[in-house]
Amino acid sequence: MALKVFDQAPSAAPAFRARFRRDAGLLSALREPHVVPIHRHGEIDGRLYLDMRLVRGPSLDDVLRDGPPAPPRAEAIEGQIGAAMESLRRSGLGDRPLEGADVLLTGPPGRPPRPQARVQT
């Protein structure tokens, strides 16, 4: 598991708290294989947190530092990111910006990676 604990300043802001609770609830219900699942969310000592599955693998930014991937790999990554983004949009989270650091590539060696989007609330 991975635990993301937010700083106290944003955790104390009413607008941030409301958006966090709404988005975390929507993410917790989401069942998309290309989006990191949220197990629990809440508050500890006045700070908001997300309890999610730990995903090990390089980010898309890390992979792109070595140059563009081969076309079949690039197509697989693009399709899986598209599926994740469409699932997020349909869930009510709307269109969110996604950066290469937010996309983790996983999977067995020699097989196309399974991108997993880390969604920022």
PDB file of N, CA and C in Angstrom:
ATOM      1  N   MET A   1       0.834  -1.181   0.000  1.00  0.00           N
ATOM      2  CA  MET A   1       0.000   0.000   0.000  1.00  0.00           C
ATOM      3  C   MET A   1       0.872   1.235   0.000  1.00  0.00           C
ATOM      4  N   ALA A   2       0.340   2.303  -0.458  1.00  0.00           N
ATOM      5  CA  ALA A   2       1.003   3.608  -0.429  1.00  0.00           C
ATOM      6  C   ALA A   2       0.074   4.562   0.306  1.00  0.00           C
ATOM      7  N   LEU A   3       0.646   5.419   1.094  1.00  0.00           N
ATOM      8  CA  LEU A   3      -0.135   6.391   1.843  1.00  0.00           C
ATOM      9  C   LEU A   3       0.322   7.783   1.442  1.00  0.00           C
ATOM     10  N   LYS A   4      -0.590   8.563   0.909  1.00  0.00           N
ATOM     11  CA  LYS A   4      -0.293   9.946   0.543  1.00  0.00           C
ATOM     12  C   LYS A   4      -0.962  10.837   1.573  1.00  0.00           C
ATOM     13  N   VAL A   5      -0.151  11.611   2.300  1.00  0.00           N
ATOM     14  CA  VAL A   5      -0.663  12.522   3.323  1.00  0.00           C
ATOM     15  C   VAL A   5      -0.430  13.940   2.819  1.00  0.00           C
ATOM     16  N   PHE A   6      -1.467  14.733   2.810  1.00  0.00           N
ATOM     17  CA  PHE A   6      -1.397  16.097   2.300  1.00  0.00           C
ATOM     18  C   PHE A   6      -0.895  17.046   3.392  1.00  0.00           C
ATOM     19  N   ASP A   7      -0.217  18.093   2.981  1.00  0.00           N
ATOM     20  CA  ASP A   7       0.254  19.117   3.915  1.00  0.00           C
ATOM     21  C   ASP A   7      -0.916  19.717   4.672  1.00  0.00           C
ATOM     22  N   GLN A   8      -0.609  20.317   5.804  1.00  0.00           N
ATOM     23  CA  GLN A   8      -1.663  20.896   6.632  1.00  0.00           C
ATOM     24  C   GLN A   8      -2.342  22.091   5.975  1.00  0.00           C
ATOM     25  N   ALA A   9      -1.594  22.914   5.258  1.00  0.00           N
ATOM     26  CA  ALA A   9      -2.209  24.111   4.656  1.00  0.00           C
ATOM     27  C   ALA A   9      -3.356  23.742   3.724  1.00  0.00           C
ATOM     28  N   PRO A  10      -3.135  22.888   2.717  1.00  0.00           N
ATOM     29  CA  PRO A  10      -4.287  22.546   1.862  1.00  0.00           C
ATOM     30  C   PRO A  10      -5.358  21.773   2.628  1.00  0.00           C
ATOM     31  N   SER A  11      -4.943  20.936   3.560  1.00  0.00           N
ATOM     32  CA  SER A  11      -5.908  20.143   4.325  1.00  0.00           C
ATOM     33  C   SER A  11      -6.843  21.014   5.138  1.00  0.00           C
ATOM     34  N   ALA A  12      -6.399  22.214   5.486  1.00  0.00           N
ATOM     35  CA  ALA A  12      -7.221  23.110   6.297  1.00  0.00           C
ATOM     36  C   ALA A  12      -8.160  23.974   5.462  1.00  0.00           C
ATOM     37  N   ALA A  13      -7.906  24.087   4.166  1.00  0.00           N
ATOM     38  CA  ALA A  13      -8.722  24.945   3.299  1.00  0.00           C
ATOM     39  C   ALA A  13     -10.064  24.273   3.008  1.00  0.00           C
ATOM     40  N   PRO A  14     -11.186  24.919   3.344  1.00  0.00           N
ATOM     41  CA  PRO A  14     -12.504  24.303   3.139  1.00  0.00           C
ATOM     42  C   PRO A  14     -12.762  23.870   1.689  1.00  0.00           C
ATOM     43  N   ALA A  15     -12.363  24.670   0.722  1.00  0.00           N
ATOM     44  CA  ALA A  15     -12.610  24.312  -0.680  1.00  0.00           C
ATOM     45  C   ALA A  15     -11.806  23.069  -1.066  1.00  0.00           C
ATOM     46  N   PHE A  16     -10.564  22.994  -0.615  1.00  0.00           N
ATOM     47  CA  PHE A  16      -9.735  21.830  -0.908  1.00  0.00           C
ATOM     48  C   PHE A  16     -10.319  20.581  -0.260  1.00  0.00           C
ATOM     49  N   ARG A  17     -10.752  20.714   0.996  1.00  0.00           N
ATOM     50  CA  ARG A  17     -11.328  19.582   1.722  1.00  0.00           C
ATOM     51  C   ARG A  17     -12.574  19.053   1.012  1.00  0.00           C
ATOM     52  N   ALA A  18     -13.419  19.964   0.554  1.00  0.00           N
ATOM     53  CA  ALA A  18     -14.646  19.546  -0.129  1.00  0.00           C
ATOM     54  C   ALA A  18     -14.321  18.832  -1.439  1.00  0.00           C
ATOM     55  N   ARG A  19     -13.405  19.403  -2.210  1.00  0.00           N
ATOM     56  CA  ARG A  19     -13.020  18.769  -3.476  1.00  0.00           C
ATOM     57  C   ARG A  19     -12.346  17.419  -3.204  1.00  0.00           C
ATOM     58  N   PHE A  20     -11.483  17.362  -2.204  1.00  0.00           N
ATOM     59  CA  PHE A  20     -10.807  16.118  -1.853  1.00  0.00           C
ATOM     60  C   PHE A  20     -11.824  15.026  -1.546  1.00  0.00           C
ATOM     61  N   ARG A  21     -12.767  15.322  -0.683  1.00  0.00           N
ATOM     62  CA  ARG A  21     -13.753  14.312  -0.286  1.00  0.00           C
ATOM     63  C   ARG A  21     -14.588  13.843  -1.485  1.00  0.00           C
ATOM     64  N   ARG A  22     -14.989  14.785  -2.312  1.00  0.00           N
ATOM     65  CA  ARG A  22     -15.766  14.426  -3.510  1.00  0.00           C
ATOM     66  C   ARG A  22     -14.934  13.550  -4.442  1.00  0.00           C
ATOM     67  N   ASP A  23     -13.734  14.018  -4.789  1.00  0.00           N
ATOM     68  CA  ASP A  23     -12.894  13.293  -5.740  1.00  0.00           C
ATOM     69  C   ASP A  23     -12.444  11.944  -5.186  1.00  0.00           C
ATOM     70  N   ALA A  24     -12.069  11.888  -3.916  1.00  0.00           N
ATOM     71  CA  ALA A  24     -11.625  10.630  -3.312  1.00  0.00           C
ATOM     72  C   ALA A  24     -12.765   9.614  -3.292  1.00  0.00           C
ATOM     73  N   GLY A  25     -13.977  10.084  -3.043  1.00  0.00           N
ATOM     74  CA  GLY A  25     -15.129   9.180  -3.078  1.00  0.00           C
ATOM     75  C   GLY A  25     -15.351   8.615  -4.470  1.00  0.00           C
ATOM     76  N   LEU A  26     -15.253   9.464  -5.485  1.00  0.00           N
ATOM     77  CA  LEU A  26     -15.418   8.996  -6.859  1.00  0.00           C
ATOM     78  C   LEU A  26     -14.302   8.025  -7.243  1.00  0.00           C
ATOM     79  N   LEU A  27     -13.071   8.352  -6.862  1.00  0.00           N
ATOM     80  CA  LEU A  27     -11.935   7.481  -7.179  1.00  0.00           C
ATOM     81  C   LEU A  27     -12.041   6.137  -6.468  1.00  0.00           C
ATOM     82  N   SER A  28     -12.528   6.143  -5.243  1.00  0.00           N
ATOM     83  CA  SER A  28     -12.654   4.904  -4.478  1.00  0.00           C
ATOM     84  C   SER A  28     -13.624   3.931  -5.150  1.00  0.00           C
ATOM     85  N   ALA A  29     -14.610   4.456  -5.843  1.00  0.00           N
ATOM     86  CA  ALA A  29     -15.607   3.615  -6.507  1.00  0.00           C
ATOM     87  C   ALA A  29     -15.162   3.168  -7.896  1.00  0.00           C
ATOM     88  N   LEU A  30     -14.117   3.782  -8.419  1.00  0.00           N
ATOM     89  CA  LEU A  30     -13.660   3.512  -9.780  1.00  0.00           C
ATOM     90  C   LEU A  30     -12.985   2.149  -9.866  1.00  0.00           C
ATOM     91  N   ARG A  31     -13.334   1.380 -10.874  1.00  0.00           N
ATOM     92  CA  ARG A  31     -12.724   0.074 -11.113  1.00  0.00           C
ATOM     93  C   ARG A  31     -12.159   0.049 -12.531  1.00  0.00           C
ATOM     94  N   GLU A  32     -11.055   0.690 -12.711  1.00  0.00           N
ATOM     95  CA  GLU A  32     -10.381   0.777 -14.014  1.00  0.00           C
ATOM     96  C   GLU A  32      -8.977   0.225 -13.827  1.00  0.00           C
ATOM     97  N   PRO A  33      -8.574  -0.786 -14.598  1.00  0.00           N
ATOM     98  CA  PRO A  33      -7.267  -1.406 -14.382  1.00  0.00           C
ATOM     99  C   PRO A  33      -6.077  -0.478 -14.604  1.00  0.00           C
ATOM    100  N   HIS A  34      -6.290   0.670 -15.221  1.00  0.00           N
ATOM    101  CA  HIS A  34      -5.187   1.579 -15.499  1.00  0.00           C
ATOM    102  C   HIS A  34      -5.184   2.804 -14.591  1.00  0.00           C
ATOM    103  N   VAL A  35      -5.956   2.763 -13.528  1.00  0.00           N
ATOM    104  CA  VAL A  35      -5.967   3.834 -12.534  1.00  0.00           C
ATOM    105  C   VAL A  35      -5.660   3.198 -11.180  1.00  0.00           C
ATOM    106  N   VAL A  36      -4.709   3.767 -10.464  1.00  0.00           N
ATOM    107  CA  VAL A  36      -4.326   3.220  -9.157  1.00  0.00           C
ATOM    108  C   VAL A  36      -5.540   3.257  -8.234  1.00  0.00           C
ATOM    109  N   PRO A  37      -5.914   2.099  -7.672  1.00  0.00           N
ATOM    110  CA  PRO A  37      -7.087   2.069  -6.800  1.00  0.00           C
ATOM    111  C   PRO A  37      -6.856   2.754  -5.458  1.00  0.00           C
ATOM    112  N   ILE A  38      -7.890   3.462  -5.016  1.00  0.00           N
ATOM    113  CA  ILE A  38      -7.905   4.100  -3.704  1.00  0.00           C
ATOM    114  C   ILE A  38      -8.662   3.155  -2.769  1.00  0.00           C
ATOM    115  N   HIS A  39      -8.009   2.716  -1.693  1.00  0.00           N
ATOM    116  CA  HIS A  39      -8.659   1.812  -0.737  1.00  0.00           C
ATOM    117  C   HIS A  39      -9.465   2.589   0.300  1.00  0.00           C
ATOM    118  N   ARG A  40      -8.844   3.606   0.858  1.00  0.00           N
ATOM    119  CA  ARG A  40      -9.493   4.434   1.879  1.00  0.00           C
ATOM    120  C   ARG A  40      -9.028   5.871   1.716  1.00  0.00           C
ATOM    121  N   HIS A  41      -9.796   6.753   2.287  1.00  0.00           N
ATOM    122  CA  HIS A  41      -9.399   8.160   2.339  1.00  0.00           C
ATOM    123  C   HIS A  41     -10.002   8.746   3.604  1.00  0.00           C
ATOM    124  N   GLY A  42      -9.385   9.794   4.076  1.00  0.00           N
ATOM    125  CA  GLY A  42      -9.905  10.402   5.296  1.00  0.00           C
ATOM    126  C   GLY A  42      -8.968  11.437   5.853  1.00  0.00           C
ATOM    127  N   GLU A  43      -8.968  11.513   7.177  1.00  0.00           N
ATOM    128  CA  GLU A  43      -8.213  12.563   7.869  1.00  0.00           C
ATOM    129  C   GLU A  43      -7.516  11.958   9.090  1.00  0.00           C
ATOM    130  N   ILE A  44      -6.259  12.334   9.263  1.00  0.00           N
ATOM    131  CA  ILE A  44      -5.462  11.939  10.431  1.00  0.00           C
ATOM    132  C   ILE A  44      -4.857  13.212  11.005  1.00  0.00           C
ATOM    133  N   ASP A  45      -5.175  13.513  12.240  1.00  0.00           N
ATOM    134  CA  ASP A  45      -4.619  14.698  12.914  1.00  0.00           C
ATOM    135  C   ASP A  45      -4.759  15.969  12.074  1.00  0.00           C
ATOM    136  N   GLY A  46      -5.918  16.144  11.460  1.00  0.00           N
ATOM    137  CA  GLY A  46      -6.182  17.352  10.685  1.00  0.00           C
ATOM    138  C   GLY A  46      -5.590  17.351   9.291  1.00  0.00           C
ATOM    139  N   ARG A  47      -4.962  16.260   8.883  1.00  0.00           N
ATOM    140  CA  ARG A  47      -4.373  16.174   7.541  1.00  0.00           C
ATOM    141  C   ARG A  47      -5.093  15.092   6.741  1.00  0.00           C
ATOM    142  N   LEU A  48      -5.418  15.437   5.508  1.00  0.00           N
ATOM    143  CA  LEU A  48      -6.116  14.503   4.629  1.00  0.00           C
ATOM    144  C   LEU A  48      -5.144  13.459   4.092  1.00  0.00           C
ATOM    145  N   TYR A  49      -5.669  12.248   3.838  1.00  0.00           N
ATOM    146  CA  TYR A  49      -4.804  11.193   3.314  1.00  0.00           C
ATOM    147  C   TYR A  49      -5.557  10.322   2.316  1.00  0.00           C
ATOM    148  N   LEU A  50      -4.776   9.652   1.472  1.00  0.00           N
ATOM    149  CA  LEU A  50      -5.254   8.625   0.562  1.00  0.00           C
ATOM    150  C   LEU A  50      -4.457   7.362   0.827  1.00  0.00           C
ATOM    151  N   ASP A  51      -5.146   6.245   0.990  1.00  0.00           N
ATOM    152  CA  ASP A  51      -4.529   4.932   1.123  1.00  0.00           C
ATOM    153  C   ASP A  51      -4.793   4.242  -0.213  1.00  0.00           C
ATOM    154  N   MET A  52      -3.727   3.923  -0.951  1.00  0.00           N
ATOM    155  CA  MET A  52      -3.890   3.363  -2.290  1.00  0.00           C
ATOM    156  C   MET A  52      -2.918   2.215  -2.521  1.00  0.00           C
ATOM    157  N   ARG A  53      -3.139   1.508  -3.590  1.00  0.00           N
ATOM    158  CA  ARG A  53      -2.229   0.416  -3.933  1.00  0.00           C
ATOM    159  C   ARG A  53      -0.862   0.985  -4.291  1.00  0.00           C
ATOM    160  N   LEU A  54       0.180   0.327  -3.823  1.00  0.00           N
ATOM    161  CA  LEU A  54       1.547   0.708  -4.174  1.00  0.00           C
ATOM    162  C   LEU A  54       1.846   0.162  -5.565  1.00  0.00           C
ATOM    163  N   VAL A  55       2.264   1.036  -6.445  1.00  0.00           N
ATOM    164  CA  VAL A  55       2.600   0.645  -7.810  1.00  0.00           C
ATOM    165  C   VAL A  55       4.081   0.921  -8.005  1.00  0.00           C
ATOM    166  N   ARG A  56       4.807  -0.106  -8.375  1.00  0.00           N
ATOM    167  CA  ARG A  56       6.245   0.039  -8.611  1.00  0.00           C
ATOM    168  C   ARG A  56       6.492   0.054 -10.116  1.00  0.00           C
ATOM    169  N   GLY A  57       7.297   0.989 -10.518  1.00  0.00           N
ATOM    170  CA  GLY A  57       7.653   1.085 -11.929  1.00  0.00           C
ATOM    171  C   GLY A  57       8.066   2.493 -12.251  1.00  0.00           C
ATOM    172  N   PRO A  58       8.765   2.659 -13.358  1.00  0.00           N
ATOM    173  CA  PRO A  58       9.206   3.999 -13.744  1.00  0.00           C
ATOM    174  C   PRO A  58       8.026   4.849 -14.219  1.00  0.00           C
ATOM    175  N   SER A  59       8.188   6.139 -14.103  1.00  0.00           N
ATOM    176  CA  SER A  59       7.165   7.036 -14.644  1.00  0.00           C
ATOM    177  C   SER A  59       7.368   7.151 -16.152  1.00  0.00           C
ATOM    178  N   LEU A  60       6.363   7.649 -16.825  1.00  0.00           N
ATOM    179  CA  LEU A  60       6.477   7.889 -18.261  1.00  0.00           C
ATOM    180  C   LEU A  60       7.602   8.885 -18.526  1.00  0.00           C
ATOM    181  N   ASP A  61       7.738   9.900 -17.676  1.00  0.00           N
ATOM    182  CA  ASP A  61       8.847  10.856 -17.818  1.00  0.00           C
ATOM    183  C   ASP A  61      10.193  10.139 -17.782  1.00  0.00           C
ATOM    184  N   ASP A  62      10.353   9.197 -16.832  1.00  0.00           N
ATOM    185  CA  ASP A  62      11.610   8.448 -16.722  1.00  0.00           C
ATOM    186  C   ASP A  62      11.903   7.678 -18.006  1.00  0.00           C
ATOM    187  N   VAL A  63      10.899   7.009 -18.542  1.00  0.00           N
ATOM    188  CA  VAL A  63      11.074   6.206 -19.743  1.00  0.00           C
ATOM    189  C   VAL A  63      11.416   7.091 -20.944  1.00  0.00           C
ATOM    190  N   LEU A  64      10.778   8.250 -21.037  1.00  0.00           N
ATOM    191  CA  LEU A  64      11.000   9.127 -22.194  1.00  0.00           C
ATOM    192  C   LEU A  64      12.375   9.805 -22.173  1.00  0.00           C
ATOM    193  N   ARG A  65      13.038   9.818 -21.020  1.00  0.00           N
ATOM    194  CA  ARG A  65      14.395  10.393 -20.961  1.00  0.00           C
ATOM    195  C   ARG A  65      15.369   9.614 -21.847  1.00  0.00           C
ATOM    196  N   ASP A  66      15.066   8.339 -22.072  1.00  0.00           N
ATOM    197  CA  ASP A  66      15.912   7.494 -22.925  1.00  0.00           C
ATOM    198  C   ASP A  66      15.525   7.595 -24.397  1.00  0.00           C
ATOM    199  N   GLY A  67      14.594   8.471 -24.713  1.00  0.00           N
ATOM    200  CA  GLY A  67      14.135   8.629 -26.083  1.00  0.00           C
ATOM    201  C   GLY A  67      12.750   8.026 -26.246  1.00  0.00           C
ATOM    202  N   PRO A  68      12.153   8.239 -27.399  1.00  0.00           N
ATOM    203  CA  PRO A  68      10.795   7.723 -27.613  1.00  0.00           C
ATOM    204  C   PRO A  68      10.786   6.196 -27.638  1.00  0.00           C
ATOM    205  N   PRO A  69       9.731   5.606 -27.094  1.00  0.00           N
ATOM    206  CA  PRO A  69       9.631   4.143 -27.137  1.00  0.00           C
ATOM    207  C   PRO A  69       9.340   3.670 -28.558  1.00  0.00           C
ATOM    208  N   ALA A  70       9.566   2.395 -28.791  1.00  0.00           N
ATOM    209  CA  ALA A  70       9.252   1.798 -30.093  1.00  0.00           C
ATOM    210  C   ALA A  70       7.760   1.982 -30.362  1.00  0.00           C
ATOM    211  N   PRO A  71       7.379   2.133 -31.634  1.00  0.00           N
ATOM    212  CA  PRO A  71       5.964   2.384 -31.955  1.00  0.00           C
ATOM    213  C   PRO A  71       4.961   1.421 -31.312  1.00  0.00           C
ATOM    214  N   PRO A  72       5.192   0.106 -31.295  1.00  0.00           N
ATOM    215  CA  PRO A  72       4.181  -0.756 -30.653  1.00  0.00           C
ATOM    216  C   PRO A  72       4.016  -0.448 -29.160  1.00  0.00           C
ATOM    217  N   ARG A  73       5.130  -0.159 -28.493  1.00  0.00           N
ATOM    218  CA  ARG A  73       5.058   0.163 -27.065  1.00  0.00           C
ATOM    219  C   ARG A  73       4.351   1.505 -26.862  1.00  0.00           C
ATOM    220  N   ALA A  74       4.694   2.473 -27.713  1.00  0.00           N
ATOM    221  CA  ALA A  74       4.060   3.791 -27.614  1.00  0.00           C
ATOM    222  C   ALA A  74       2.547   3.675 -27.825  1.00  0.00           C
ATOM    223  N   GLU A  75       2.128   2.866 -28.778  1.00  0.00           N
ATOM    224  CA  GLU A  75       0.693   2.683 -29.041  1.00  0.00           C
ATOM    225  C   GLU A  75       0.003   2.021 -27.851  1.00  0.00           C
ATOM    226  N   ALA A  76       0.659   1.038 -27.237  1.00  0.00           N
ATOM    227  CA  ALA A  76       0.069   0.371 -26.068  1.00  0.00           C
ATOM    228  C   ALA A  76      -0.085   1.355 -24.917  1.00  0.00           C
ATOM    229  N   ILE A  77       0.951   2.145 -24.677  1.00  0.00           N
ATOM    230  CA  ILE A  77       0.904   3.135 -23.594  1.00  0.00           C
ATOM    231  C   ILE A  77      -0.200   4.148 -23.866  1.00  0.00           C
ATOM    232  N   GLU A  78      -0.253   4.659 -25.088  1.00  0.00           N
ATOM    233  CA  GLU A  78      -1.261   5.661 -25.450  1.00  0.00           C
ATOM    234  C   GLU A  78      -2.679   5.126 -25.270  1.00  0.00           C
ATOM    235  N   GLY A  79      -2.917   3.906 -25.702  1.00  0.00           N
ATOM    236  CA  GLY A  79      -4.254   3.324 -25.585  1.00  0.00           C
ATOM    237  C   GLY A  79      -4.679   3.129 -24.142  1.00  0.00           C
ATOM    238  N   GLN A  80      -3.740   2.705 -23.303  1.00  0.00           N
ATOM    239  CA  GLN A  80      -4.068   2.460 -21.905  1.00  0.00           C
ATOM    240  C   GLN A  80      -4.268   3.772 -21.139  1.00  0.00           C
ATOM    241  N   ILE A  81      -3.479   4.773 -21.470  1.00  0.00           N
ATOM    242  CA  ILE A  81      -3.698   6.085 -20.850  1.00  0.00           C
ATOM    243  C   ILE A  81      -5.051   6.641 -21.287  1.00  0.00           C
ATOM    244  N   GLY A  82      -5.376   6.471 -22.554  1.00  0.00           N
ATOM    245  CA  GLY A  82      -6.677   6.925 -23.050  1.00  0.00           C
ATOM    246  C   GLY A  82      -7.829   6.251 -22.331  1.00  0.00           C
ATOM    247  N   ALA A  83      -7.703   4.938 -22.083  1.00  0.00           N
ATOM    248  CA  ALA A  83      -8.750   4.207 -21.356  1.00  0.00           C
ATOM    249  C   ALA A  83      -8.893   4.735 -19.938  1.00  0.00           C
ATOM    250  N   ALA A  84      -7.761   5.013 -19.303  1.00  0.00           N
ATOM    251  CA  ALA A  84      -7.800   5.547 -17.935  1.00  0.00           C
ATOM    252  C   ALA A  84      -8.463   6.922 -17.913  1.00  0.00           C
ATOM    253  N   MET A  85      -8.084   7.774 -18.840  1.00  0.00           N
ATOM    254  CA  MET A  85      -8.638   9.132 -18.869  1.00  0.00           C
ATOM    255  C   MET A  85     -10.137   9.111 -19.178  1.00  0.00           C
ATOM    256  N   GLU A  86     -10.561   8.233 -20.062  1.00  0.00           N
ATOM    257  CA  GLU A  86     -11.984   8.123 -20.381  1.00  0.00           C
ATOM    258  C   GLU A  86     -12.763   7.632 -19.162  1.00  0.00           C
ATOM    259  N   SER A  87     -12.209   6.692 -18.443  1.00  0.00           N
ATOM    260  CA  SER A  87     -12.859   6.180 -17.233  1.00  0.00           C
ATOM    261  C   SER A  87     -12.996   7.288 -16.186  1.00  0.00           C
ATOM    262  N   LEU A  88     -11.952   8.090 -16.031  1.00  0.00           N
ATOM    263  CA  LEU A  88     -12.004   9.204 -15.078  1.00  0.00           C
ATOM    264  C   LEU A  88     -13.071  10.217 -15.479  1.00  0.00           C
ATOM    265  N   ARG A  89     -13.128  10.509 -16.770  1.00  0.00           N
ATOM    266  CA  ARG A  89     -14.118  11.473 -17.258  1.00  0.00           C
ATOM    267  C   ARG A  89     -15.528  10.962 -17.012  1.00  0.00           C
ATOM    268  N   ARG A  90     -15.781   9.679 -17.335  1.00  0.00           N
ATOM    269  CA  ARG A  90     -17.116   9.103 -17.145  1.00  0.00           C
ATOM    270  C   ARG A  90     -17.506   9.007 -15.673  1.00  0.00           C
ATOM    271  N   SER A  91     -16.528   8.900 -14.790  1.00  0.00           N
ATOM    272  CA  SER A  91     -16.824   8.753 -13.360  1.00  0.00           C
ATOM    273  C   SER A  91     -17.301  10.059 -12.733  1.00  0.00           C
ATOM    274  N   GLY A  92     -17.148  11.166 -13.455  1.00  0.00           N
ATOM    275  CA  GLY A  92     -17.544  12.458 -12.908  1.00  0.00           C
ATOM    276  C   GLY A  92     -16.366  13.320 -12.510  1.00  0.00           C
ATOM    277  N   LEU A  93     -15.149  12.827 -12.726  1.00  0.00           N
ATOM    278  CA  LEU A  93     -13.962  13.604 -12.376  1.00  0.00           C
ATOM    279  C   LEU A  93     -13.578  14.602 -13.459  1.00  0.00           C
ATOM    280  N   GLY A  94     -14.201  14.515 -14.614  1.00  0.00           N
ATOM    281  CA  GLY A  94     -13.952  15.479 -15.680  1.00  0.00           C
ATOM    282  C   GLY A  94     -12.598  15.283 -16.313  1.00  0.00           C
ATOM    283  N   ASP A  95     -12.199  16.264 -17.085  1.00  0.00           N
ATOM    284  CA  ASP A  95     -10.900  16.222 -17.745  1.00  0.00           C
ATOM    285  C   ASP A  95      -9.867  16.839 -16.826  1.00  0.00           C
ATOM    286  N   ARG A  96      -8.890  16.070 -16.475  1.00  0.00           N
ATOM    287  CA  ARG A  96      -7.832  16.529 -15.574  1.00  0.00           C
ATOM    288  C   ARG A  96      -6.519  16.540 -16.324  1.00  0.00           C
ATOM    289  N   PRO A  97      -5.657  17.483 -15.996  1.00  0.00           N
ATOM    290  CA  PRO A  97      -4.335  17.448 -16.623  1.00  0.00           C
ATOM    291  C   PRO A  97      -3.577  16.216 -16.123  1.00  0.00           C
ATOM    292  N   LEU A  98      -2.818  15.621 -17.004  1.00  0.00           N
ATOM    293  CA  LEU A  98      -2.033  14.449 -16.655  1.00  0.00           C
ATOM    294  C   LEU A  98      -0.612  14.691 -17.121  1.00  0.00           C
ATOM    295  N   GLU A  99       0.328  14.547 -16.225  1.00  0.00           N
ATOM    296  CA  GLU A  99       1.737  14.744 -16.547  1.00  0.00           C
ATOM    297  C   GLU A  99       2.432  13.401 -16.599  1.00  0.00           C
ATOM    298  N   GLY A 100       3.554  13.353 -17.290  1.00  0.00           N
ATOM    299  CA  GLY A 100       4.314  12.117 -17.418  1.00  0.00           C
ATOM    300  C   GLY A 100       4.730  11.531 -16.083  1.00  0.00           C
ATOM    301  N   ALA A 101       4.942  12.380 -15.086  1.00  0.00           N
ATOM    302  CA  ALA A 101       5.312  11.897 -13.750  1.00  0.00           C
ATOM    303  C   ALA A 101       4.147  11.187 -13.074  1.00  0.00           C
ATOM    304  N   ASP A 102       2.927  11.437 -13.526  1.00  0.00           N
ATOM    305  CA  ASP A 102       1.727  10.825 -12.944  1.00  0.00           C
ATOM    306  C   ASP A 102       1.383   9.476 -13.564  1.00  0.00           C
ATOM    307  N   VAL A 103       2.125   9.079 -14.598  1.00  0.00           N
ATOM    308  CA  VAL A 103       1.868   7.812 -15.279  1.00  0.00           C
ATOM    309  C   VAL A 103       2.993   6.853 -14.916  1.00  0.00           C
ATOM    310  N   LEU A 104       2.643   5.750 -14.268  1.00  0.00           N
ATOM    311  CA  LEU A 104       3.615   4.734 -13.888  1.00  0.00           C
ATOM    312  C   LEU A 104       3.479   3.550 -14.829  1.00  0.00           C
ATOM    313  N   LEU A 105       4.602   3.037 -15.298  1.00  0.00           N
ATOM    314  CA  LEU A 105       4.588   1.919 -16.229  1.00  0.00           C
ATOM    315  C   LEU A 105       4.982   0.655 -15.478  1.00  0.00           C
ATOM    316  N   THR A 106       4.118  -0.337 -15.531  1.00  0.00           N
ATOM    317  CA  THR A 106       4.347  -1.589 -14.817  1.00  0.00           C
ATOM    318  C   THR A 106       4.181  -2.751 -15.776  1.00  0.00           C
ATOM    319  N   GLY A 107       4.553  -3.905 -15.340  1.00  0.00           N
ATOM    320  CA  GLY A 107       4.364  -5.100 -16.143  1.00  0.00           C
ATOM    321  C   GLY A 107       5.618  -5.937 -16.184  1.00  0.00           C
ATOM    322  N   PRO A 108       5.466  -7.198 -16.559  1.00  0.00           N
ATOM    323  CA  PRO A 108       6.617  -8.079 -16.607  1.00  0.00           C
ATOM    324  C   PRO A 108       7.607  -7.664 -17.687  1.00  0.00           C
ATOM    325  N   PRO A 109       8.895  -7.928 -17.486  1.00  0.00           N
ATOM    326  CA  PRO A 109       9.895  -7.590 -18.513  1.00  0.00           C
ATOM    327  C   PRO A 109       9.555  -8.250 -19.845  1.00  0.00           C
ATOM    328  N   GLY A 110       9.787  -7.516 -20.914  1.00  0.00           N
ATOM    329  CA  GLY A 110       9.543  -8.049 -22.244  1.00  0.00           C
ATOM    330  C   GLY A 110       8.108  -7.938 -22.716  1.00  0.00           C
ATOM    331  N   ARG A 111       7.232  -7.442 -21.871  1.00  0.00           N
ATOM    332  CA  ARG A 111       5.832  -7.268 -22.259  1.00  0.00           C
ATOM    333  C   ARG A 111       5.514  -5.788 -22.235  1.00  0.00           C
ATOM    334  N   PRO A 112       4.523  -5.363 -23.013  1.00  0.00           N
ATOM    335  CA  PRO A 112       4.159  -3.945 -22.976  1.00  0.00           C
ATOM    336  C   PRO A 112       3.752  -3.544 -21.561  1.00  0.00           C
ATOM    337  N   PRO A 113       4.142  -2.355 -21.125  1.00  0.00           N
ATOM    338  CA  PRO A 113       3.813  -1.916 -19.769  1.00  0.00           C
ATOM    339  C   PRO A 113       2.334  -1.634 -19.611  1.00  0.00           C
ATOM    340  N   ARG A 114       1.889  -1.670 -18.367  1.00  0.00           N
ATOM    341  CA  ARG A 114       0.516  -1.287 -18.032  1.00  0.00           C
ATOM    342  C   ARG A 114       0.582   0.071 -17.369  1.00  0.00           C
ATOM    343  N   PRO A 115       0.311   1.145 -18.098  1.00  0.00           N
ATOM    344  CA  PRO A 115       0.340   2.455 -17.456  1.00  0.00           C
ATOM    345  C   PRO A 115      -0.740   2.557 -16.390  1.00  0.00           C
ATOM    346  N   GLN A 116      -0.392   3.193 -15.306  1.00  0.00           N
ATOM    347  CA  GLN A 116      -1.336   3.439 -14.231  1.00  0.00           C
ATOM    348  C   GLN A 116      -1.266   4.935 -13.923  1.00  0.00           C
ATOM    349  N   ALA A 117      -2.379   5.600 -14.012  1.00  0.00           N
ATOM    350  CA  ALA A 117      -2.419   7.026 -13.745  1.00  0.00           C
ATOM    351  C   ALA A 117      -2.605   7.263 -12.254  1.00  0.00           C
ATOM    352  N   ARG A 118      -1.788   8.143 -11.716  1.00  0.00           N
ATOM    353  CA  ARG A 118      -1.985   8.608 -10.343  1.00  0.00           C
ATOM    354  C   ARG A 118      -2.753   9.899 -10.471  1.00  0.00           C
ATOM    355  N   VAL A 119      -3.937   9.906  -9.984  1.00  0.00           N
ATOM    356  CA  VAL A 119      -4.788  11.072 -10.133  1.00  0.00           C
ATOM    357  C   VAL A 119      -4.601  12.003  -8.938  1.00  0.00           C
ATOM    358  N   GLN A 120      -4.339  13.246  -9.217  1.00  0.00           N
ATOM    359  CA  GLN A 120      -4.189  14.237  -8.165  1.00  0.00           C
ATOM    360  C   GLN A 120      -5.567  14.805  -7.824  1.00  0.00           C
ATOM    361  N   THR A 121      -5.893  14.830  -6.531  1.00  0.00           N
ATOM    362  CA  THR A 121      -7.177  15.403  -6.123  1.00  0.00           C
ATOM    363  C   THR A 121      -6.983  16.844  -5.756  1.00  0.00           C
TER     364      THR A 121
END
